[in-house]
Amino acid sequence: MQSEDTEGLFTTLDFQAPLARRMAPRSFDEFAGQAYVLGPGKALRRFAEEGRGFSWIIFGPPGCGKSAFAHLAARFAKAQFVSINAVTSNLAELKTALQDAASRRGYEGRRTVLFIDEIHRYNRLQQDALLPAVEEGIVYLYGATTQNPAFCVNPALLSRCQLVEFRPLGAADLAPLIDRALLDRERGLGELALTIQEEARAALIRYSAGDARRLFNVLELAANGCAPGGEITFDSIQNACSGQAAPVYDKGGDNHYDIISAFIKSMRGSDPDAALYWLARMLIGGEDPNFIARRIVIAASEDVGLADSGALSVAIAAAEAARMVGMPEARIPLAHATVRVALAPKSNSAYMGMEAAMQDVRDSGPLAVPEHLRDASYSTAKRLGRGKGYAYPHDFPGHWTPQDYLAEARSFYHNSGMGNEAQLGKWLDFLRAGK
């Protein structure tokens, strides 16, 4: 647990601290990104600048400004800033922080901003311990998480907090941070008088993947390899990147569900490039290739369906091949099936027909099996009239004859006219005309 006076946070500077810490925004004008909630006049920024007492749960990817916002809000609220990392803390430490906050309020009349990083790592008991302090206003809780709070924060705690999502930073947000760090002589690298190649700048932004902290870390490493007055090159950025972690992919969290969703929707939307990108993200992140293969098989049936039934065969073959060869070679049949499904014409008519039929059963109850369709294979079936009147289609020209297969007329399947299904539609029109 760390407790810091908010004035000291912005008036003292640790020159040994990482560049990302030194360049933390001191005002909302320096804040990178999140303009949709922190732009001039936006409610969240206005409440923070006015020092209003709210508790917040902020969720978003690493390096998007969650802790920076909490520091700024604490400063405007003239509150003590207490930081806890939920990964390493325990219930006793949390209770101590809450007791200190209660004493600070009672004896000094000063509020506490309690910043809990990775709040999703707290168990139910630890989260419940926060409820009275948040309810009574003993602390302003600022909980930060990379996970969707709907899945990891207790509803009782969530209902007592405002919820805001921070998004990954875009290139337009990250580019000014590079210039600010290179020019700032007080907090940044300005004393070195460095320049940066445009190719190196683009590579740095691309590798940062929306994470300002990663951008500053790589920039600092690259700068350390340059002489004063030198130039940061593409190679120096590449070398600095080699020691950095790969972009995040949390197999058990919200990121996992978002990326598999993007993968499926890219195949459904017939975009092979996007589908391959999301496939690569999952495989590099260590996702189970069998999990991916199952999703491709489902897409081949749900989204391609009768428009190109061969896609299902390819998807099943790729799933079997992936199980047979394992990683890293499994990426090849998975890519094969991904592109095949993405490029195939699309029809969800079979899937939608099944959904409609199931809903009819739920809503209307079961229809009786017509007498002529009932099982006539057992000894007393004939005496009971089972199967009487059934017309065996293969006994007729074209291997078809008009016949009722439901006690009441129903319509569930609607031909899409896409791909191979168009030909099937012509045959269906012929059959229906024969009735």
Protein backbone atom coordinates (compact mmCIF):
# COMPACT_ATOMS: atom_id res chain seq x y z
CA MET A 1 0.00 0.00 0.00
CA GLN A 2 1.27 3.46 -0.90
CA SER A 3 -0.04 6.73 0.49
CA GLU A 4 0.94 10.00 -1.14
CA ASP A 5 0.02 13.61 -0.69
CA THR A 6 -1.54 14.76 -3.94
CA GLU A 7 0.36 18.06 -3.99
CA GLY A 8 3.63 16.18 -3.69
CA LEU A 9 2.69 13.98 -6.59
CA PHE A 10 2.93 16.95 -8.95
CA THR A 11 5.56 19.17 -7.34
CA THR A 12 8.33 16.62 -6.72
CA LEU A 13 9.95 14.52 -9.40
CA ASP A 14 11.97 11.34 -9.08
CA PHE A 15 14.52 11.54 -11.88
CA GLN A 16 15.32 7.85 -11.39
CA ALA A 17 11.71 6.89 -12.11
CA PRO A 18 10.87 5.37 -15.51
CA LEU A 19 10.03 7.80 -18.29
CA ALA A 20 6.38 6.65 -18.23
CA ARG A 21 6.10 7.72 -14.57
CA ARG A 22 7.86 11.04 -15.12
CA MET A 23 5.64 11.90 -18.08
CA ALA A 24 2.37 11.17 -16.27
CA PRO A 25 -0.11 13.97 -17.08
CA ARG A 26 -0.30 16.86 -14.61
CA SER A 27 -3.50 18.22 -16.10
CA PHE A 28 -6.31 17.05 -18.32
CA ASP A 29 -4.81 19.12 -21.14
CA GLU A 30 -1.84 16.71 -21.06
CA PHE A 31 -4.06 13.64 -20.83
CA ALA A 32 -3.76 11.39 -23.88
CA GLY A 33 -6.91 9.93 -25.40
CA GLN A 34 -10.34 9.25 -23.89
CA ALA A 35 -11.63 12.50 -25.40
CA TYR A 36 -15.08 10.98 -25.62
CA VAL A 37 -15.33 11.07 -21.80
CA LEU A 38 -12.50 13.45 -20.81
CA GLY A 39 -12.68 16.09 -23.53
CA PRO A 40 -13.43 19.71 -22.57
CA GLY A 41 -16.92 20.00 -21.15
CA LYS A 42 -17.45 16.25 -20.74
CA ALA A 43 -19.16 15.24 -17.52
CA LEU A 44 -16.39 12.98 -16.21
CA ARG A 45 -13.74 15.65 -16.65
CA ARG A 46 -15.99 18.35 -15.21
CA PHE A 47 -16.76 16.30 -12.11
CA ALA A 48 -13.07 15.56 -11.58
CA GLU A 49 -11.94 19.19 -12.08
CA GLU A 50 -14.61 20.38 -9.67
CA GLY A 51 -13.39 17.92 -7.06
CA ARG A 52 -16.74 16.19 -6.75
CA GLY A 53 -16.84 13.11 -4.58
CA PHE A 54 -17.66 10.05 -6.67
CA SER A 55 -16.45 6.48 -6.68
CA TRP A 56 -15.52 5.03 -10.06
CA ILE A 57 -14.80 1.69 -11.64
CA ILE A 58 -12.62 2.31 -14.69
CA PHE A 59 -12.00 -0.53 -17.10
CA GLY A 60 -9.85 -0.68 -20.19
CA PRO A 61 -6.62 -2.15 -21.59
CA PRO A 62 -3.19 -1.51 -20.04
CA GLY A 63 -1.62 1.89 -20.58
CA CYS A 64 -4.81 3.75 -21.47
CA GLY A 65 -4.75 6.20 -18.52
CA LYS A 66 -6.70 4.55 -15.69
CA SER A 67 -4.19 5.30 -12.91
CA ALA A 68 -3.31 8.70 -14.42
CA PHE A 69 -6.97 9.70 -14.20
CA ALA A 70 -7.14 8.59 -10.56
CA HIS A 71 -4.08 10.71 -9.68
CA LEU A 72 -5.57 13.77 -11.37
CA ALA A 73 -8.94 13.30 -9.72
CA ALA A 74 -7.28 13.00 -6.30
CA ARG A 75 -5.37 16.20 -6.90
CA PHE A 76 -8.48 18.20 -7.80
CA ALA A 77 -10.34 16.71 -4.84
CA LYS A 78 -7.45 17.77 -2.56
CA ALA A 79 -7.57 14.23 -1.20
CA GLN A 80 -4.95 11.85 0.10
CA PHE A 81 -4.05 9.35 -2.59
CA VAL A 82 -3.75 5.76 -1.37
CA SER A 83 -2.80 3.09 -3.87
CA ILE A 84 -3.28 -0.66 -3.44
CA ASN A 85 -2.51 -3.40 -5.92
CA ALA A 86 -5.09 -6.15 -5.56
CA VAL A 87 -2.64 -8.77 -6.81
CA THR A 88 -0.32 -8.43 -3.81
CA SER A 89 -2.57 -7.04 -1.06
CA ASN A 90 -4.79 -8.88 1.39
CA LEU A 91 -7.88 -8.19 3.47
CA ALA A 92 -5.85 -6.97 6.46
CA GLU A 93 -4.05 -4.35 4.35
CA LEU A 94 -7.35 -3.19 2.88
CA LYS A 95 -8.94 -2.83 6.33
CA THR A 96 -5.93 -0.83 7.52
CA ALA A 97 -6.31 1.54 4.56
CA LEU A 98 -10.01 2.01 5.31
CA GLN A 99 -9.35 2.64 9.02
CA ASP A 100 -6.69 5.21 8.15
CA ALA A 101 -9.13 6.89 5.77
CA ALA A 102 -11.80 7.06 8.48
CA SER A 103 -9.31 8.62 10.93
CA ARG A 104 -8.10 11.08 8.29
CA ARG A 105 -11.64 12.19 7.65
CA GLY A 106 -12.50 12.44 11.36
CA TYR A 107 -9.36 14.23 12.60
CA GLU A 108 -8.18 16.17 9.55
CA GLY A 109 -11.44 16.59 7.67
CA ARG A 110 -9.66 15.28 4.57
CA ARG A 111 -10.96 12.75 2.10
CA THR A 112 -9.08 9.78 0.69
CA VAL A 113 -8.96 8.58 -2.89
CA LEU A 114 -8.41 4.84 -2.65
CA PHE A 115 -7.01 3.58 -5.92
CA ILE A 116 -7.20 -0.20 -6.27
CA ASP A 117 -5.38 -1.47 -9.32
CA GLU A 118 -6.52 -4.79 -10.78
CA ILE A 119 -9.61 -4.72 -8.58
CA HIS A 120 -10.93 -7.79 -10.40
CA ARG A 121 -8.30 -9.80 -8.49
CA TYR A 122 -10.10 -9.10 -5.19
CA ASN A 123 -12.35 -11.92 -4.03
CA ARG A 124 -15.94 -11.40 -2.93
CA LEU A 125 -15.01 -10.94 0.74
CA GLN A 126 -12.46 -8.25 -0.07
CA GLN A 127 -14.86 -6.43 -2.39
CA ASP A 128 -17.63 -6.61 0.22
CA ALA A 129 -15.29 -5.03 2.77
CA LEU A 130 -15.27 -1.88 0.63
CA LEU A 131 -19.06 -1.44 0.68
CA PRO A 132 -19.52 0.50 3.97
CA ALA A 133 -16.61 2.87 3.28
CA VAL A 134 -17.87 3.62 -0.23
CA GLU A 135 -21.49 3.91 0.95
CA GLU A 136 -20.60 6.35 3.76
CA GLY A 137 -18.16 8.37 1.66
CA ILE A 138 -15.14 7.52 3.82
CA VAL A 139 -13.21 6.89 0.60
CA TYR A 140 -13.63 7.76 -3.03
CA LEU A 141 -12.94 4.42 -4.64
CA TYR A 142 -11.15 4.36 -7.97
CA GLY A 143 -11.03 0.75 -9.06
CA ALA A 144 -9.05 -0.03 -12.20
CA THR A 145 -9.39 -3.25 -14.15
CA THR A 146 -8.60 -4.66 -17.57
CA GLN A 147 -11.67 -6.90 -17.30
CA ASN A 148 -15.31 -6.11 -17.91
CA PRO A 149 -16.65 -5.22 -14.42
CA ALA A 150 -19.92 -6.98 -15.19
CA PHE A 151 -18.01 -10.27 -14.91
CA CYS A 152 -15.60 -9.53 -12.07
CA VAL A 153 -16.98 -6.87 -9.69
CA ASN A 154 -19.71 -7.65 -7.19
CA PRO A 155 -23.05 -6.12 -8.24
CA ALA A 156 -23.43 -4.48 -4.81
CA LEU A 157 -20.10 -2.66 -5.21
CA LEU A 158 -20.73 -1.88 -8.85
CA SER A 159 -24.08 -0.27 -8.00
CA ARG A 160 -22.30 2.17 -5.65
CA CYS A 161 -19.80 3.31 -8.29
CA GLN A 162 -19.91 5.16 -11.55
CA LEU A 163 -18.72 3.01 -14.44
CA VAL A 164 -16.56 4.28 -17.28
CA GLU A 165 -14.69 2.50 -20.07
CA PHE A 166 -11.30 3.71 -21.28
CA ARG A 167 -10.35 2.72 -24.82
CA PRO A 168 -6.95 1.85 -26.34
CA LEU A 169 -5.05 4.93 -27.45
CA GLY A 170 -4.97 5.62 -31.18
CA ALA A 171 -2.06 6.84 -33.28
CA ALA A 172 -3.32 10.42 -32.97
CA ASP A 173 -3.17 10.08 -29.18
CA LEU A 174 0.27 8.46 -29.06
CA ALA A 175 2.16 10.62 -31.56
CA PRO A 176 2.10 13.80 -29.38
CA LEU A 177 3.46 11.79 -26.44
CA ILE A 178 6.62 11.01 -28.44
CA ASP A 179 7.23 14.69 -29.22
CA ARG A 180 6.46 15.72 -25.65
CA ALA A 181 8.92 13.19 -24.22
CA LEU A 182 11.68 14.16 -26.66
CA LEU A 183 11.27 17.90 -26.08
CA ASP A 184 10.52 18.09 -22.34
CA ARG A 185 13.77 19.03 -20.57
CA GLU A 186 12.30 18.75 -17.07
CA ARG A 187 10.58 15.36 -17.12
CA GLY A 188 11.47 13.85 -20.47
CA LEU A 189 14.48 13.34 -22.75
CA GLY A 190 14.88 16.95 -23.88
CA GLU A 191 18.41 17.29 -22.48
CA LEU A 192 19.55 14.67 -24.99
CA ALA A 193 18.33 16.73 -27.99
CA LEU A 194 17.31 13.61 -29.88
CA THR A 195 15.37 13.34 -33.12
CA ILE A 196 13.41 10.35 -34.41
CA GLN A 197 13.07 8.96 -37.93
CA GLU A 198 9.55 8.91 -39.33
CA GLU A 199 9.87 5.17 -39.95
CA ALA A 200 10.93 4.71 -36.32
CA ARG A 201 8.04 6.85 -35.10
CA ALA A 202 5.54 4.78 -37.06
CA ALA A 203 7.06 1.52 -35.76
CA LEU A 204 6.95 2.78 -32.17
CA ILE A 205 3.28 3.73 -32.45
CA ARG A 206 2.42 0.46 -34.15
CA TYR A 207 4.19 -1.67 -31.57
CA SER A 208 2.69 0.26 -28.64
CA ALA A 209 -0.74 -1.16 -29.59
CA GLY A 210 -2.63 1.62 -27.83
CA ASP A 211 -0.53 1.41 -24.63
CA ALA A 212 1.16 4.69 -23.60
CA ARG A 213 3.24 2.95 -20.94
CA ARG A 214 4.70 0.57 -23.49
CA LEU A 215 5.40 3.50 -25.82
CA PHE A 216 7.41 5.35 -23.16
CA ASN A 217 9.28 2.19 -22.11
CA VAL A 218 10.39 1.41 -25.66
CA LEU A 219 11.25 5.04 -26.38
CA GLU A 220 13.39 5.24 -23.23
CA LEU A 221 15.24 2.05 -24.10
CA ALA A 222 15.88 3.27 -27.65
CA ALA A 223 17.06 6.67 -26.38
CA ASN A 224 19.52 5.06 -23.99
CA GLY A 225 21.34 3.63 -26.98
CA CYS A 226 21.78 7.03 -28.64
CA ALA A 227 24.46 9.66 -28.10
CA PRO A 228 23.27 13.19 -27.24
CA GLY A 229 22.12 14.95 -30.40
CA GLY A 230 21.66 11.61 -32.15
CA GLU A 231 18.73 10.10 -34.03
CA ILE A 232 16.41 7.31 -32.95
CA THR A 233 16.24 4.91 -35.88
CA PHE A 234 13.93 2.12 -36.93
CA ASP A 235 16.60 -0.42 -35.89
CA SER A 236 16.89 1.08 -32.42
CA ILE A 237 13.12 0.82 -31.95
CA GLN A 238 13.24 -2.79 -33.19
CA ASN A 239 16.04 -3.62 -30.75
CA ALA A 240 14.16 -1.97 -27.88
CA CYS A 241 11.01 -3.89 -28.75
CA SER A 242 12.78 -7.22 -28.58
CA GLY A 243 12.79 -7.11 -24.79
CA GLN A 244 9.19 -6.03 -24.39
CA ALA A 245 6.16 -8.22 -23.72
CA ALA A 246 3.86 -9.21 -26.57
CA PRO A 247 0.46 -7.50 -26.86
CA VAL A 248 -1.94 -8.70 -24.19
CA TYR A 249 -4.29 -11.61 -24.72
CA ASP A 250 -6.00 -12.84 -21.57
CA LYS A 251 -7.37 -16.31 -22.27
CA GLY A 252 -9.64 -16.17 -19.24
CA GLY A 253 -10.88 -12.61 -19.43
CA ASP A 254 -12.88 -10.08 -21.34
CA ASN A 255 -10.14 -9.72 -23.95
CA HIS A 256 -10.56 -13.39 -24.81
CA TYR A 257 -14.27 -13.02 -25.53
CA ASP A 258 -13.82 -9.78 -27.48
CA ILE A 259 -11.19 -11.24 -29.78
CA ILE A 260 -13.02 -14.50 -30.51
CA SER A 261 -16.11 -12.39 -31.19
CA ALA A 262 -14.13 -10.24 -33.64
CA PHE A 263 -12.76 -13.39 -35.29
CA ILE A 264 -16.19 -14.91 -35.82
CA LYS A 265 -17.71 -11.66 -37.05
CA SER A 266 -14.82 -11.13 -39.49
CA MET A 267 -15.43 -14.56 -41.05
CA ARG A 268 -19.17 -13.86 -41.15
CA GLY A 269 -18.47 -10.49 -42.75
CA SER A 270 -16.30 -12.09 -45.49
CA ASP A 271 -13.09 -10.26 -44.50
CA PRO A 272 -10.24 -12.80 -44.69
CA ASP A 273 -7.56 -10.27 -43.69
CA ALA A 274 -9.32 -9.31 -40.47
CA ALA A 275 -10.13 -12.95 -39.72
CA LEU A 276 -6.45 -13.94 -40.12
CA TYR A 277 -5.36 -11.04 -37.89
CA TRP A 278 -7.64 -12.11 -35.03
CA LEU A 279 -6.58 -15.72 -35.57
CA ALA A 280 -2.94 -14.63 -35.24
CA ARG A 281 -3.71 -12.68 -32.05
CA MET A 282 -5.27 -15.77 -30.49
CA LEU A 283 -2.52 -18.16 -31.53
CA ILE A 284 0.33 -15.86 -30.41
CA GLY A 285 -1.53 -15.34 -27.14
CA GLY A 286 -1.57 -19.08 -26.50
CA GLU A 287 -5.24 -19.81 -27.19
CA ASP A 288 -6.20 -23.49 -27.46
CA PRO A 289 -6.26 -24.30 -31.21
CA ASN A 290 -9.08 -26.79 -30.60
CA PHE A 291 -11.22 -23.97 -29.19
CA ILE A 292 -10.57 -21.94 -32.34
CA ALA A 293 -11.29 -24.94 -34.60
CA ARG A 294 -14.67 -25.51 -32.95
CA ARG A 295 -15.63 -21.89 -33.63
CA ILE A 296 -14.68 -22.23 -37.31
CA VAL A 297 -16.83 -25.37 -37.60
CA ILE A 298 -19.78 -23.54 -36.04
CA ALA A 299 -19.32 -20.58 -38.40
CA ALA A 300 -19.16 -22.90 -41.41
CA SER A 301 -22.59 -24.27 -40.54
CA GLU A 302 -24.26 -21.22 -39.02
CA ASP A 303 -23.05 -18.50 -41.39
CA VAL A 304 -22.10 -20.30 -44.61
CA GLY A 305 -24.55 -23.17 -44.43
CA LEU A 306 -26.26 -24.27 -47.62
CA ALA A 307 -24.65 -21.52 -49.70
CA ASP A 308 -21.46 -23.61 -49.69
CA SER A 309 -21.77 -26.87 -47.77
CA GLY A 310 -18.18 -27.72 -48.69
CA ALA A 311 -16.96 -25.12 -46.19
CA LEU A 312 -18.17 -27.34 -43.35
CA SER A 313 -16.13 -30.24 -44.69
CA VAL A 314 -13.03 -28.05 -44.84
CA ALA A 315 -13.65 -26.77 -41.29
CA ILE A 316 -14.06 -30.29 -39.89
CA ALA A 317 -10.96 -31.51 -41.73
CA ALA A 318 -8.98 -28.54 -40.39
CA ALA A 319 -10.15 -29.25 -36.84
CA GLU A 320 -9.02 -32.86 -37.15
CA ALA A 321 -5.71 -31.81 -38.73
CA ALA A 322 -5.07 -29.30 -35.93
CA ARG A 323 -5.62 -32.03 -33.33
CA MET A 324 -3.34 -34.39 -35.27
CA VAL A 325 -0.32 -32.11 -35.79
CA GLY A 326 -0.59 -29.71 -32.83
CA MET A 327 1.02 -26.30 -32.63
CA PRO A 328 2.80 -24.59 -34.28
CA GLU A 329 1.79 -26.44 -37.47
CA ALA A 330 -1.89 -26.35 -36.49
CA ARG A 331 -1.91 -22.69 -37.53
CA ILE A 332 -1.77 -23.80 -41.19
CA PRO A 333 -5.02 -25.82 -41.41
CA LEU A 334 -6.70 -23.29 -39.13
CA ALA A 335 -5.71 -20.49 -41.52
CA HIS A 336 -6.90 -22.62 -44.47
CA ALA A 337 -10.33 -23.09 -42.92
CA THR A 338 -10.54 -19.48 -41.74
CA VAL A 339 -9.99 -18.07 -45.22
CA ARG A 340 -12.31 -20.68 -46.79
CA VAL A 341 -15.16 -19.76 -44.44
CA ALA A 342 -14.50 -16.03 -44.84
CA LEU A 343 -14.57 -16.21 -48.65
CA ALA A 344 -17.57 -18.53 -48.94
CA PRO A 345 -20.99 -17.12 -49.88
CA LYS A 346 -23.12 -16.79 -46.78
CA SER A 347 -26.49 -18.19 -45.79
CA ASN A 348 -27.93 -18.72 -42.32
CA SER A 349 -31.21 -20.17 -43.63
CA ALA A 350 -30.70 -23.62 -42.07
CA TYR A 351 -29.72 -22.12 -38.73
CA MET A 352 -32.64 -19.67 -38.72
CA GLY A 353 -35.02 -22.42 -39.81
CA MET A 354 -33.90 -24.54 -36.86
CA GLU A 355 -34.37 -21.61 -34.47
CA ALA A 356 -37.86 -20.96 -35.85
CA ALA A 357 -38.84 -24.62 -35.54
CA MET A 358 -37.62 -24.82 -31.94
CA GLN A 359 -39.49 -21.65 -31.05
CA ASP A 360 -42.67 -23.07 -32.60
CA VAL A 361 -42.34 -26.20 -30.45
CA ARG A 362 -41.93 -24.05 -27.34
CA ASP A 363 -44.81 -21.73 -28.19
CA SER A 364 -47.36 -24.13 -29.71
CA GLY A 365 -46.54 -27.44 -28.14
CA PRO A 366 -45.95 -30.69 -30.02
CA LEU A 367 -47.88 -31.66 -33.12
CA ALA A 368 -49.11 -35.24 -33.36
CA VAL A 369 -47.24 -37.46 -35.77
CA PRO A 370 -49.53 -38.13 -38.78
CA GLU A 371 -50.74 -41.71 -38.89
CA HIS A 372 -49.11 -42.49 -42.24
CA LEU A 373 -45.69 -41.41 -40.90
CA ARG A 374 -45.76 -43.43 -37.70
CA ASP A 375 -43.54 -46.46 -37.16
CA ALA A 376 -45.01 -49.56 -38.80
CA SER A 377 -42.15 -51.99 -38.17
CA TYR A 378 -43.48 -53.89 -35.14
CA SER A 379 -45.93 -56.82 -35.21
CA THR A 380 -49.15 -55.11 -34.15
CA ALA A 381 -48.54 -51.88 -36.08
CA LYS A 382 -50.72 -52.89 -39.01
CA ARG A 383 -53.65 -53.75 -36.74
CA LEU A 384 -53.33 -50.26 -35.21
CA GLY A 385 -53.27 -48.60 -38.63
CA ARG A 386 -49.68 -47.36 -38.27
CA GLY A 387 -48.15 -46.24 -41.56
CA LYS A 388 -51.35 -46.70 -43.53
CA GLY A 389 -51.36 -44.52 -46.60
CA TYR A 390 -47.65 -43.73 -46.58
CA ALA A 391 -46.29 -43.16 -50.11
CA TYR A 392 -42.69 -44.37 -50.54
CA PRO A 393 -41.06 -41.54 -52.61
CA HIS A 394 -38.68 -43.84 -54.49
CA ASP A 395 -41.65 -45.66 -56.03
CA PHE A 396 -42.56 -42.53 -58.00
CA PRO A 397 -41.02 -40.71 -60.98
CA GLY A 398 -38.38 -38.27 -59.82
CA HIS A 399 -38.29 -40.10 -56.47
CA TRP A 400 -40.86 -37.73 -55.06
CA THR A 401 -44.62 -37.52 -54.62
CA PRO A 402 -46.84 -34.96 -52.87
CA GLN A 403 -47.45 -35.91 -49.24
CA ASP A 404 -48.08 -34.18 -45.90
CA TYR A 405 -45.30 -34.52 -43.37
CA LEU A 406 -46.82 -32.30 -40.65
CA ALA A 407 -50.29 -32.43 -39.15
CA GLU A 408 -50.51 -28.67 -39.67
CA ALA A 409 -48.74 -26.56 -42.25
CA ARG A 410 -45.60 -24.79 -41.02
CA SER A 411 -42.94 -22.70 -42.76
CA PHE A 412 -39.48 -22.48 -41.16
CA TYR A 413 -36.97 -22.69 -44.00
CA HIS A 414 -36.55 -19.73 -46.35
CA ASN A 415 -34.04 -20.07 -49.17
CA SER A 416 -31.41 -17.30 -49.24
CA GLY A 417 -30.64 -17.60 -52.96
CA MET A 418 -26.91 -17.41 -52.13
CA GLY A 419 -24.25 -19.59 -53.74
CA ASN A 420 -25.17 -23.24 -54.14
CA GLU A 421 -28.39 -22.67 -52.23
CA ALA A 422 -29.82 -20.85 -55.24
CA GLN A 423 -29.95 -24.16 -57.15
CA LEU A 424 -31.53 -25.87 -54.17
CA GLY A 425 -34.12 -23.11 -54.16
CA LYS A 426 -35.13 -23.89 -57.71
CA TRP A 427 -35.68 -27.53 -56.79
CA LEU A 428 -37.71 -26.49 -53.72
CA ASP A 429 -39.87 -24.21 -55.87
CA PHE A 430 -40.55 -27.17 -58.19
CA LEU A 431 -41.50 -29.42 -55.26
CA ARG A 432 -43.81 -26.83 -53.73
CA ALA A 433 -45.47 -26.20 -57.09
CA GLY A 434 -46.18 -29.93 -57.31
CA LYS A 435 -48.26 -29.80 -54.16
